[in-house]
Amino acid sequence: MEQPAACAPPAASTPVPVAWSVVPVDFTVFKKGPEMAMHDATGRLAFRVAAGGGGGTALFDAAGGVLVTVRTNGQGEWQAFSGNSLEQRHIIFTAKVISASSSPKEVHVFIPPTKSFEDSKASYRLLGSTFRRACTIIKGDSIIAQTNLLYKLKKTIYSRRKFRVTIYPGNDNMLVMAMVMTFFVEK
C-alpha cells in the first residue's frame, strides 16, 4: 500500500521551519568587570560581551563572530550597530537613560532609531537596578524579558557576578541580549 503524500517525509533539500519557542528561555550570565558570558540552559556558551573595535562594546556569538557593537556618546545615549559596523545605516537601536539613579534605572530603546528622543515613543523600556542585577524589558504593556540574581535557599550572601536572563516566547534573543548588555555594561 502506498503512503499518502501528506505523510511522506520532507525532501532532504527542503528546509525545516524553526518554530518559536513556546516556553521562556533562560540564560545564565557570568559578569566580570565589563565582560559577560551568557550560557544557555545546557551550560554551553551562547553569547559573550567584551570590548569591541572602535571603542565600543560588542556582543559576540559562541563562535566569536560579532553580532552587535554598542557605542556611547558619553551623555547617556547609546547606538547599537549590526556586526562590527559603526555606520549610521547599520544602526539596530538607539537608547537613552531616562533615570540613572541607583534604583530604579530607566532606559528607553528606540527602534528604528530616531534623530530626536523627545518626538517619538520608545519601542522598549528597561527598568531595574544594575546593583541588584534586576532589569525588566517592557514592550508596550508586555514584559518580554527579565533578569534577576540567582538565589539559593539557606544562603545569606549572593554573588552579583552571576545572574539569570529569562526571555519570554516570541522575542529575539540577540536583540534582548544587546539591550541587557547596554543596561549592565554601558555607563
N, C-alpha and C. Protein backbone atom coordinates (compact mmCIF):
# COMPACT_ATOMS: atom_id res chain seq x y z
N MET A 1 0.85 -1.18 0.00
CA MET A 1 0.00 0.00 0.00
C MET A 1 0.89 1.23 0.00
N GLU A 2 0.55 2.20 -0.82
CA GLU A 2 1.37 3.40 -0.97
C GLU A 2 0.98 4.43 0.09
N GLN A 3 2.00 5.15 0.60
CA GLN A 3 1.78 6.15 1.64
C GLN A 3 1.25 7.44 1.01
N PRO A 4 0.24 8.09 1.63
CA PRO A 4 -0.26 9.35 1.10
C PRO A 4 0.83 10.42 1.13
N ALA A 5 0.74 11.39 0.21
CA ALA A 5 1.75 12.45 0.12
C ALA A 5 1.84 13.27 1.40
N ALA A 6 0.75 13.45 2.11
CA ALA A 6 0.76 14.26 3.33
C ALA A 6 1.59 13.62 4.43
N CYS A 7 1.76 12.30 4.37
CA CYS A 7 2.52 11.61 5.41
C CYS A 7 3.96 11.35 5.01
N ALA A 8 4.31 11.68 3.79
CA ALA A 8 5.67 11.42 3.31
C ALA A 8 6.66 12.33 4.02
N PRO A 9 7.87 11.83 4.31
CA PRO A 9 8.87 12.67 4.96
C PRO A 9 9.31 13.78 4.02
N PRO A 10 9.74 14.95 4.58
CA PRO A 10 10.16 16.05 3.73
C PRO A 10 11.41 15.68 2.95
N ALA A 11 11.55 16.26 1.77
CA ALA A 11 12.74 16.02 0.95
C ALA A 11 13.96 16.57 1.67
N ALA A 12 15.12 16.00 1.39
CA ALA A 12 16.36 16.39 2.08
C ALA A 12 16.72 17.84 1.82
N SER A 13 16.36 18.38 0.66
CA SER A 13 16.73 19.76 0.34
C SER A 13 15.74 20.78 0.90
N THR A 14 14.58 20.34 1.39
CA THR A 14 13.58 21.25 1.94
C THR A 14 13.99 21.66 3.35
N PRO A 15 14.12 22.98 3.59
CA PRO A 15 14.49 23.40 4.94
C PRO A 15 13.35 23.14 5.91
N VAL A 16 13.70 22.76 7.11
CA VAL A 16 12.72 22.51 8.14
C VAL A 16 12.45 23.83 8.85
N PRO A 17 11.19 24.27 8.92
CA PRO A 17 10.91 25.55 9.57
C PRO A 17 11.21 25.47 11.07
N VAL A 18 11.73 26.57 11.60
CA VAL A 18 12.04 26.64 13.02
C VAL A 18 10.88 27.33 13.71
N ALA A 19 10.29 26.67 14.68
CA ALA A 19 9.16 27.24 15.40
C ALA A 19 9.67 28.13 16.54
N TRP A 20 8.90 29.17 16.86
CA TRP A 20 9.22 29.99 18.01
C TRP A 20 9.08 29.13 19.25
N SER A 21 9.88 29.44 20.23
CA SER A 21 9.79 28.72 21.49
C SER A 21 8.45 29.02 22.14
N VAL A 22 7.86 28.02 22.74
CA VAL A 22 6.58 28.22 23.42
C VAL A 22 6.77 28.32 24.93
N VAL A 23 7.99 28.19 25.37
CA VAL A 23 8.32 28.34 26.79
C VAL A 23 9.41 29.40 26.93
N PRO A 24 9.51 30.05 28.07
CA PRO A 24 10.58 31.02 28.27
C PRO A 24 11.95 30.36 28.16
N VAL A 25 12.93 31.12 27.68
CA VAL A 25 14.30 30.64 27.53
C VAL A 25 15.16 31.34 28.59
N ASP A 26 15.93 30.56 29.33
CA ASP A 26 16.80 31.10 30.37
C ASP A 26 18.25 31.05 29.93
N PHE A 27 18.98 32.11 30.24
CA PHE A 27 20.43 32.18 30.06
C PHE A 27 21.04 32.54 31.40
N THR A 28 22.15 31.92 31.74
CA THR A 28 22.90 32.29 32.94
C THR A 28 24.04 33.19 32.51
N VAL A 29 24.16 34.33 33.18
CA VAL A 29 25.16 35.32 32.83
C VAL A 29 26.22 35.37 33.92
N PHE A 30 27.47 35.29 33.51
CA PHE A 30 28.61 35.46 34.41
C PHE A 30 29.26 36.79 34.04
N LYS A 31 29.29 37.73 34.99
CA LYS A 31 29.82 39.07 34.73
C LYS A 31 31.10 39.27 35.53
N LYS A 32 32.14 39.71 34.83
CA LYS A 32 33.39 40.03 35.49
C LYS A 32 33.89 41.33 34.88
N GLY A 33 33.74 42.41 35.64
CA GLY A 33 34.08 43.73 35.12
C GLY A 33 33.14 44.07 33.99
N PRO A 34 33.65 44.63 32.90
CA PRO A 34 32.77 44.96 31.78
C PRO A 34 32.45 43.76 30.87
N GLU A 35 33.06 42.62 31.12
CA GLU A 35 32.84 41.44 30.28
C GLU A 35 31.76 40.54 30.87
N MET A 36 31.02 39.88 29.97
CA MET A 36 29.98 38.95 30.38
C MET A 36 30.01 37.73 29.48
N ALA A 37 29.66 36.58 30.05
CA ALA A 37 29.50 35.34 29.28
C ALA A 37 28.09 34.85 29.57
N MET A 38 27.32 34.56 28.51
CA MET A 38 25.94 34.12 28.64
C MET A 38 25.83 32.68 28.18
N HIS A 39 25.40 31.81 29.08
CA HIS A 39 25.30 30.38 28.80
C HIS A 39 23.83 29.97 28.72
N ASP A 40 23.54 29.02 27.84
CA ASP A 40 22.16 28.54 27.71
C ASP A 40 21.86 27.54 28.82
N ALA A 41 20.67 26.95 28.79
CA ALA A 41 20.24 26.04 29.84
C ALA A 41 21.09 24.78 29.94
N THR A 42 21.78 24.40 28.84
CA THR A 42 22.63 23.22 28.88
C THR A 42 24.04 23.54 29.37
N GLY A 43 24.33 24.83 29.59
CA GLY A 43 25.65 25.22 30.06
C GLY A 43 26.62 25.62 28.96
N ARG A 44 26.18 25.56 27.71
CA ARG A 44 27.05 25.95 26.59
C ARG A 44 27.05 27.46 26.42
N LEU A 45 28.19 28.00 26.02
CA LEU A 45 28.30 29.42 25.76
C LEU A 45 27.40 29.79 24.60
N ALA A 46 26.54 30.80 24.78
CA ALA A 46 25.64 31.25 23.73
C ALA A 46 26.05 32.63 23.21
N PHE A 47 26.42 33.53 24.13
CA PHE A 47 26.83 34.88 23.79
C PHE A 47 27.96 35.30 24.71
N ARG A 48 28.72 36.30 24.26
CA ARG A 48 29.79 36.84 25.07
C ARG A 48 29.85 38.34 24.82
N VAL A 49 30.14 39.11 25.87
CA VAL A 49 30.27 40.56 25.76
C VAL A 49 31.69 40.93 26.13
N ALA A 50 32.35 41.72 25.28
CA ALA A 50 33.72 42.18 25.54
C ALA A 50 33.93 43.47 24.76
N ALA A 51 35.08 44.08 24.97
CA ALA A 51 35.42 45.30 24.23
C ALA A 51 35.48 44.97 22.75
N GLY A 52 34.91 45.85 21.95
CA GLY A 52 34.92 45.65 20.51
C GLY A 52 35.79 46.69 19.84
N GLY A 53 35.88 46.62 18.56
CA GLY A 53 36.67 47.58 17.81
C GLY A 53 36.00 48.95 17.79
N GLY A 54 36.79 49.99 17.61
CA GLY A 54 36.25 51.34 17.50
C GLY A 54 35.83 51.94 18.82
N GLY A 55 36.30 51.40 19.94
CA GLY A 55 35.97 51.96 21.24
C GLY A 55 34.62 51.58 21.77
N GLY A 56 33.95 50.63 21.17
CA GLY A 56 32.64 50.20 21.65
C GLY A 56 32.71 48.88 22.39
N THR A 57 31.56 48.41 22.79
CA THR A 57 31.42 47.11 23.42
C THR A 57 30.68 46.22 22.44
N ALA A 58 31.08 44.95 22.35
CA ALA A 58 30.49 44.07 21.34
C ALA A 58 29.83 42.85 21.98
N LEU A 59 28.75 42.40 21.34
CA LEU A 59 28.08 41.15 21.68
C LEU A 59 28.53 40.14 20.64
N PHE A 60 29.16 39.06 21.09
CA PHE A 60 29.69 38.03 20.22
C PHE A 60 28.81 36.79 20.32
N ASP A 61 28.74 36.00 19.25
CA ASP A 61 28.09 34.70 19.34
C ASP A 61 29.08 33.70 19.91
N ALA A 62 28.67 32.45 20.06
CA ALA A 62 29.53 31.43 20.68
C ALA A 62 30.79 31.16 19.87
N ALA A 63 30.73 31.35 18.55
CA ALA A 63 31.89 31.10 17.70
C ALA A 63 32.85 32.29 17.63
N GLY A 64 32.47 33.41 18.25
CA GLY A 64 33.35 34.59 18.27
C GLY A 64 33.01 35.62 17.22
N GLY A 65 31.93 35.43 16.48
CA GLY A 65 31.51 36.42 15.49
C GLY A 65 30.80 37.59 16.16
N VAL A 66 31.05 38.80 15.70
CA VAL A 66 30.44 39.99 16.29
C VAL A 66 29.00 40.12 15.77
N LEU A 67 28.06 40.15 16.69
CA LEU A 67 26.64 40.30 16.35
C LEU A 67 26.21 41.76 16.42
N VAL A 68 26.59 42.43 17.51
CA VAL A 68 26.18 43.81 17.76
C VAL A 68 27.35 44.56 18.40
N THR A 69 27.56 45.81 17.97
CA THR A 69 28.54 46.69 18.60
C THR A 69 27.79 47.89 19.15
N VAL A 70 28.03 48.22 20.42
CA VAL A 70 27.36 49.35 21.06
C VAL A 70 28.39 50.43 21.35
N ARG A 71 28.04 51.66 20.98
CA ARG A 71 28.92 52.80 21.20
C ARG A 71 28.12 53.87 21.94
N THR A 72 28.76 54.54 22.90
CA THR A 72 28.10 55.59 23.66
C THR A 72 28.67 56.94 23.26
N ASN A 73 27.84 57.97 23.42
CA ASN A 73 28.33 59.32 23.15
C ASN A 73 28.77 60.00 24.44
N GLY A 74 28.72 59.28 25.56
CA GLY A 74 29.16 59.81 26.84
C GLY A 74 28.12 60.63 27.57
N GLN A 75 26.95 60.83 27.01
CA GLN A 75 25.90 61.63 27.64
C GLN A 75 24.65 60.81 27.92
N GLY A 76 24.82 59.53 28.18
CA GLY A 76 23.68 58.67 28.48
C GLY A 76 22.90 58.23 27.26
N GLU A 77 23.49 58.33 26.08
CA GLU A 77 22.85 57.87 24.86
C GLU A 77 23.77 56.85 24.18
N TRP A 78 23.17 55.76 23.66
CA TRP A 78 23.93 54.71 23.01
C TRP A 78 23.37 54.42 21.64
N GLN A 79 24.21 53.88 20.80
CA GLN A 79 23.78 53.41 19.49
C GLN A 79 24.28 51.98 19.34
N ALA A 80 23.41 51.09 18.91
CA ALA A 80 23.77 49.69 18.67
C ALA A 80 23.80 49.45 17.17
N PHE A 81 24.91 48.89 16.69
CA PHE A 81 25.12 48.66 15.27
C PHE A 81 25.20 47.17 14.98
N SER A 82 24.79 46.78 13.81
CA SER A 82 24.88 45.39 13.37
C SER A 82 26.34 45.03 13.11
N GLY A 83 26.79 43.92 13.68
CA GLY A 83 28.16 43.44 13.47
C GLY A 83 29.21 44.42 13.95
N ASN A 84 30.31 44.53 13.21
CA ASN A 84 31.43 45.43 13.55
C ASN A 84 31.21 46.84 13.06
N SER A 85 30.19 47.07 12.30
CA SER A 85 29.98 48.36 11.65
C SER A 85 29.68 49.46 12.68
N LEU A 86 30.15 50.66 12.39
CA LEU A 86 29.77 51.84 13.17
C LEU A 86 29.15 52.88 12.23
N GLU A 87 28.62 52.42 11.11
CA GLU A 87 27.99 53.30 10.14
C GLU A 87 26.51 53.49 10.49
N GLN A 88 26.03 54.70 10.27
CA GLN A 88 24.65 55.04 10.61
C GLN A 88 23.62 54.14 9.94
N ARG A 89 23.92 53.65 8.75
CA ARG A 89 22.96 52.81 8.04
C ARG A 89 22.83 51.42 8.67
N HIS A 90 23.71 51.05 9.60
CA HIS A 90 23.67 49.74 10.25
C HIS A 90 23.16 49.80 11.69
N ILE A 91 22.52 50.90 12.07
CA ILE A 91 22.01 51.03 13.44
C ILE A 91 20.84 50.06 13.65
N ILE A 92 20.89 49.34 14.77
CA ILE A 92 19.79 48.44 15.16
C ILE A 92 18.84 49.19 16.09
N PHE A 93 19.40 49.87 17.09
CA PHE A 93 18.59 50.67 18.00
C PHE A 93 19.42 51.79 18.61
N THR A 94 18.71 52.77 19.14
CA THR A 94 19.34 53.81 19.96
C THR A 94 18.69 53.73 21.32
N ALA A 95 19.44 54.11 22.35
CA ALA A 95 18.94 54.04 23.71
C ALA A 95 19.33 55.30 24.47
N LYS A 96 18.50 55.67 25.42
CA LYS A 96 18.76 56.87 26.22
C LYS A 96 18.38 56.58 27.66
N VAL A 97 19.28 56.97 28.58
CA VAL A 97 18.99 56.84 30.01
C VAL A 97 18.00 57.93 30.38
N ILE A 98 16.89 57.55 30.96
CA ILE A 98 15.87 58.50 31.39
C ILE A 98 16.07 58.82 32.86
N SER A 99 16.31 57.80 33.66
CA SER A 99 16.56 57.96 35.09
C SER A 99 17.76 57.10 35.45
N ALA A 100 18.83 57.72 35.90
CA ALA A 100 20.06 56.98 36.20
C ALA A 100 20.31 56.87 37.69
N SER A 101 19.31 57.13 38.51
CA SER A 101 19.52 57.00 39.95
C SER A 101 19.84 55.55 40.26
N SER A 102 20.36 55.32 41.44
CA SER A 102 20.80 53.96 41.79
C SER A 102 19.66 52.95 41.70
N SER A 103 18.45 53.37 42.01
CA SER A 103 17.33 52.46 41.89
C SER A 103 16.06 53.28 41.77
N PRO A 104 15.24 53.11 40.81
CA PRO A 104 15.41 52.28 39.63
C PRO A 104 16.04 53.07 38.48
N LYS A 105 16.81 52.38 37.69
CA LYS A 105 17.38 52.94 36.47
C LYS A 105 16.36 52.71 35.37
N GLU A 106 16.19 53.70 34.49
CA GLU A 106 15.25 53.55 33.38
C GLU A 106 15.95 53.95 32.09
N VAL A 107 15.85 53.07 31.10
CA VAL A 107 16.44 53.30 29.79
C VAL A 107 15.34 53.09 28.75
N HIS A 108 15.27 54.00 27.78
CA HIS A 108 14.32 53.85 26.68
C HIS A 108 15.08 53.47 25.43
N VAL A 109 14.57 52.46 24.71
CA VAL A 109 15.18 51.97 23.48
C VAL A 109 14.25 52.30 22.32
N PHE A 110 14.84 52.84 21.26
CA PHE A 110 14.08 53.27 20.09
C PHE A 110 14.46 52.44 18.87
N ILE A 111 13.44 51.79 18.25
CA ILE A 111 13.65 51.00 17.03
C ILE A 111 12.55 51.41 16.06
N PRO A 112 12.79 51.81 14.87
CA PRO A 112 14.08 52.19 14.33
C PRO A 112 14.56 53.47 14.99
N PRO A 113 15.85 53.68 14.96
CA PRO A 113 16.40 54.84 15.65
C PRO A 113 15.83 56.15 15.10
N THR A 114 15.72 57.12 15.98
CA THR A 114 15.22 58.42 15.59
C THR A 114 16.25 59.49 15.92
N LYS A 115 16.13 60.61 15.26
CA LYS A 115 17.05 61.72 15.50
C LYS A 115 16.75 62.41 16.81
N SER A 116 15.47 62.47 17.18
CA SER A 116 15.07 63.19 18.38
C SER A 116 14.33 62.25 19.32
N PHE A 117 14.83 62.11 20.53
CA PHE A 117 14.20 61.23 21.50
C PHE A 117 12.87 61.79 22.00
N GLU A 118 12.73 63.11 21.98
CA GLU A 118 11.53 63.73 22.52
C GLU A 118 10.32 63.52 21.62
N ASP A 119 10.55 63.37 20.31
CA ASP A 119 9.45 63.30 19.35
C ASP A 119 8.83 61.92 19.20
N SER A 120 9.49 60.90 19.67
CA SER A 120 8.99 59.56 19.42
C SER A 120 8.76 58.79 20.71
N LYS A 121 7.98 57.74 20.57
CA LYS A 121 7.69 56.88 21.71
C LYS A 121 8.68 55.71 21.70
N ALA A 122 9.17 55.35 22.87
CA ALA A 122 10.15 54.27 22.98
C ALA A 122 9.53 52.95 22.55
N SER A 123 10.31 52.15 21.82
CA SER A 123 9.88 50.81 21.44
C SER A 123 9.94 49.86 22.64
N TYR A 124 10.97 50.04 23.48
CA TYR A 124 11.17 49.22 24.67
C TYR A 124 11.54 50.12 25.83
N ARG A 125 11.16 49.69 27.04
CA ARG A 125 11.60 50.37 28.27
C ARG A 125 12.32 49.34 29.12
N LEU A 126 13.47 49.71 29.65
CA LEU A 126 14.24 48.86 30.54
C LEU A 126 14.21 49.50 31.92
N LEU A 127 13.69 48.78 32.89
CA LEU A 127 13.56 49.29 34.26
C LEU A 127 14.27 48.34 35.20
N GLY A 128 15.06 48.88 36.14
CA GLY A 128 15.67 47.99 37.11
C GLY A 128 16.82 48.62 37.85
N SER A 129 17.63 47.77 38.42
CA SER A 129 18.77 48.17 39.24
C SER A 129 20.00 47.40 38.78
N THR A 130 21.03 48.13 38.36
CA THR A 130 22.26 47.45 37.95
C THR A 130 22.93 46.79 39.14
N PHE A 131 22.84 47.39 40.32
CA PHE A 131 23.46 46.81 41.52
C PHE A 131 22.83 45.47 41.86
N ARG A 132 21.52 45.37 41.75
CA ARG A 132 20.80 44.12 42.09
C ARG A 132 20.71 43.16 40.91
N ARG A 133 21.27 43.56 39.75
CA ARG A 133 21.21 42.75 38.52
C ARG A 133 19.77 42.46 38.14
N ALA A 134 18.90 43.44 38.38
CA ALA A 134 17.48 43.30 38.07
C ALA A 134 17.13 44.24 36.94
N CYS A 135 16.51 43.70 35.91
CA CYS A 135 16.08 44.51 34.77
C CYS A 135 14.84 43.85 34.18
N THR A 136 13.83 44.66 33.92
CA THR A 136 12.63 44.20 33.24
C THR A 136 12.56 44.93 31.92
N ILE A 137 12.44 44.19 30.83
CA ILE A 137 12.34 44.78 29.50
C ILE A 137 10.88 44.72 29.08
N ILE A 138 10.32 45.90 28.79
CA ILE A 138 8.90 46.02 28.51
C ILE A 138 8.70 46.56 27.10
N LYS A 139 7.80 45.94 26.36
CA LYS A 139 7.39 46.43 25.03
C LYS A 139 5.89 46.67 25.11
N GLY A 140 5.50 47.93 25.01
CA GLY A 140 4.09 48.27 25.18
C GLY A 140 3.68 47.99 26.61
N ASP A 141 2.73 47.08 26.78
CA ASP A 141 2.28 46.68 28.12
C ASP A 141 2.74 45.27 28.48
N SER A 142 3.63 44.69 27.69
CA SER A 142 4.06 43.30 27.90
C SER A 142 5.51 43.21 28.34
N ILE A 143 5.77 42.34 29.28
CA ILE A 143 7.14 42.06 29.70
C ILE A 143 7.70 41.02 28.72
N ILE A 144 8.82 41.35 28.08
CA ILE A 144 9.39 40.41 27.12
C ILE A 144 10.60 39.67 27.68
N ALA A 145 11.25 40.25 28.71
CA ALA A 145 12.40 39.60 29.32
C ALA A 145 12.64 40.19 30.71
N GLN A 146 13.30 39.40 31.55
CA GLN A 146 13.65 39.86 32.89
C GLN A 146 15.00 39.28 33.28
N THR A 147 15.70 40.01 34.14
CA THR A 147 16.93 39.49 34.73
C THR A 147 16.77 39.50 36.24
N ASN A 148 17.45 38.58 36.90
CA ASN A 148 17.47 38.56 38.36
C ASN A 148 18.65 37.75 38.84
N LEU A 149 19.05 38.02 40.10
CA LEU A 149 20.14 37.27 40.70
C LEU A 149 19.72 35.81 40.90
N LEU A 150 20.70 34.93 40.95
CA LEU A 150 20.43 33.52 41.23
C LEU A 150 20.49 33.33 42.74
N TYR A 151 19.35 33.07 43.33
CA TYR A 151 19.28 32.88 44.77
C TYR A 151 19.31 31.40 45.10
N LYS A 152 19.92 31.08 46.24
CA LYS A 152 19.91 29.71 46.73
C LYS A 152 19.34 29.72 48.14
N LEU A 153 18.54 28.70 48.44
CA LEU A 153 17.96 28.59 49.76
C LEU A 153 19.06 28.44 50.81
N LYS A 154 18.86 29.04 51.94
CA LYS A 154 19.76 28.97 53.10
C LYS A 154 21.11 29.61 52.83
N LYS A 155 21.20 30.46 51.82
CA LYS A 155 22.44 31.17 51.54
C LYS A 155 22.19 32.65 51.81
N THR A 156 23.00 33.24 52.66
CA THR A 156 22.75 34.62 53.05
C THR A 156 23.48 35.63 52.18
N ILE A 157 24.54 35.23 51.51
CA ILE A 157 25.29 36.13 50.64
C ILE A 157 25.15 35.63 49.21
N TYR A 158 24.75 36.54 48.33
CA TYR A 158 24.54 36.19 46.93
C TYR A 158 25.59 36.87 46.07
N SER A 159 26.06 36.17 45.09
CA SER A 159 27.04 36.74 44.16
C SER A 159 26.32 37.61 43.14
N ARG A 160 26.82 38.82 42.92
CA ARG A 160 26.26 39.69 41.90
C ARG A 160 26.95 39.46 40.56
N ARG A 161 27.91 38.54 40.53
CA ARG A 161 28.61 38.23 39.28
C ARG A 161 27.84 37.22 38.44
N LYS A 162 26.84 36.59 39.02
CA LYS A 162 26.10 35.55 38.31
C LYS A 162 24.60 35.85 38.42
N PHE A 163 23.95 35.98 37.26
CA PHE A 163 22.51 36.24 37.27
C PHE A 163 21.86 35.57 36.07
N ARG A 164 20.53 35.62 36.03
CA ARG A 164 19.77 34.91 35.01
C ARG A 164 19.04 35.93 34.12
N VAL A 165 18.94 35.61 32.83
CA VAL A 165 18.11 36.36 31.89
C VAL A 165 17.03 35.40 31.40
N THR A 166 15.78 35.77 31.58
CA THR A 166 14.66 34.97 31.10
C THR A 166 14.01 35.74 29.95
N ILE A 167 13.96 35.11 28.78
CA ILE A 167 13.36 35.72 27.60
C ILE A 167 12.07 34.97 27.30
N TYR A 168 10.98 35.71 27.24
CA TYR A 168 9.67 35.10 27.03
C TYR A 168 9.46 34.77 25.56
N PRO A 169 8.57 33.83 25.24
CA PRO A 169 8.38 33.34 23.87
C PRO A 169 8.06 34.46 22.87
N GLY A 170 8.56 34.26 21.64
CA GLY A 170 8.27 35.17 20.55
C GLY A 170 9.17 36.39 20.46
N ASN A 171 10.28 36.39 21.18
CA ASN A 171 11.18 37.54 21.18
C ASN A 171 12.56 37.14 20.66
N ASP A 172 13.27 38.10 20.11
CA ASP A 172 14.57 37.89 19.50
C ASP A 172 15.65 37.85 20.59
N ASN A 173 16.29 36.70 20.78
CA ASN A 173 17.31 36.54 21.81
C ASN A 173 18.46 37.52 21.63
N MET A 174 18.92 37.71 20.40
CA MET A 174 20.05 38.59 20.16
C MET A 174 19.71 40.04 20.52
N LEU A 175 18.53 40.50 20.16
CA LEU A 175 18.13 41.87 20.48
C LEU A 175 18.02 42.05 21.99
N VAL A 176 17.42 41.10 22.68
CA VAL A 176 17.29 41.17 24.13
C VAL A 176 18.66 41.18 24.78
N MET A 177 19.57 40.32 24.33
CA MET A 177 20.92 40.29 24.91
C MET A 177 21.66 41.60 24.65
N ALA A 178 21.45 42.21 23.50
CA ALA A 178 22.08 43.50 23.21
C ALA A 178 21.54 44.57 24.16
N MET A 179 20.25 44.54 24.46
CA MET A 179 19.69 45.51 25.41
C MET A 179 20.18 45.24 26.83
N VAL A 180 20.29 43.97 27.22
CA VAL A 180 20.82 43.62 28.53
C VAL A 180 22.26 44.10 28.64
N MET A 181 23.05 43.89 27.59
CA MET A 181 24.44 44.34 27.56
C MET A 181 24.49 45.85 27.76
N THR A 182 23.63 46.58 27.07
CA THR A 182 23.61 48.04 27.18
C THR A 182 23.23 48.46 28.60
N PHE A 183 22.28 47.80 29.20
CA PHE A 183 21.81 48.17 30.54
C PHE A 183 22.89 47.93 31.60
N PHE A 184 23.59 46.79 31.51
CA PHE A 184 24.52 46.44 32.58
C PHE A 184 25.98 46.83 32.33
N VAL A 185 26.39 46.96 31.09
CA VAL A 185 27.80 47.23 30.81
C VAL A 185 28.05 48.71 30.57
N GLU A 186 27.22 49.31 29.72
CA GLU A 186 27.46 50.71 29.36
C GLU A 186 27.06 51.64 30.51
N LYS A 187 27.87 52.67 30.68
CA LYS A 187 27.59 53.65 31.74
C LYS A 187 27.06 54.92 31.12
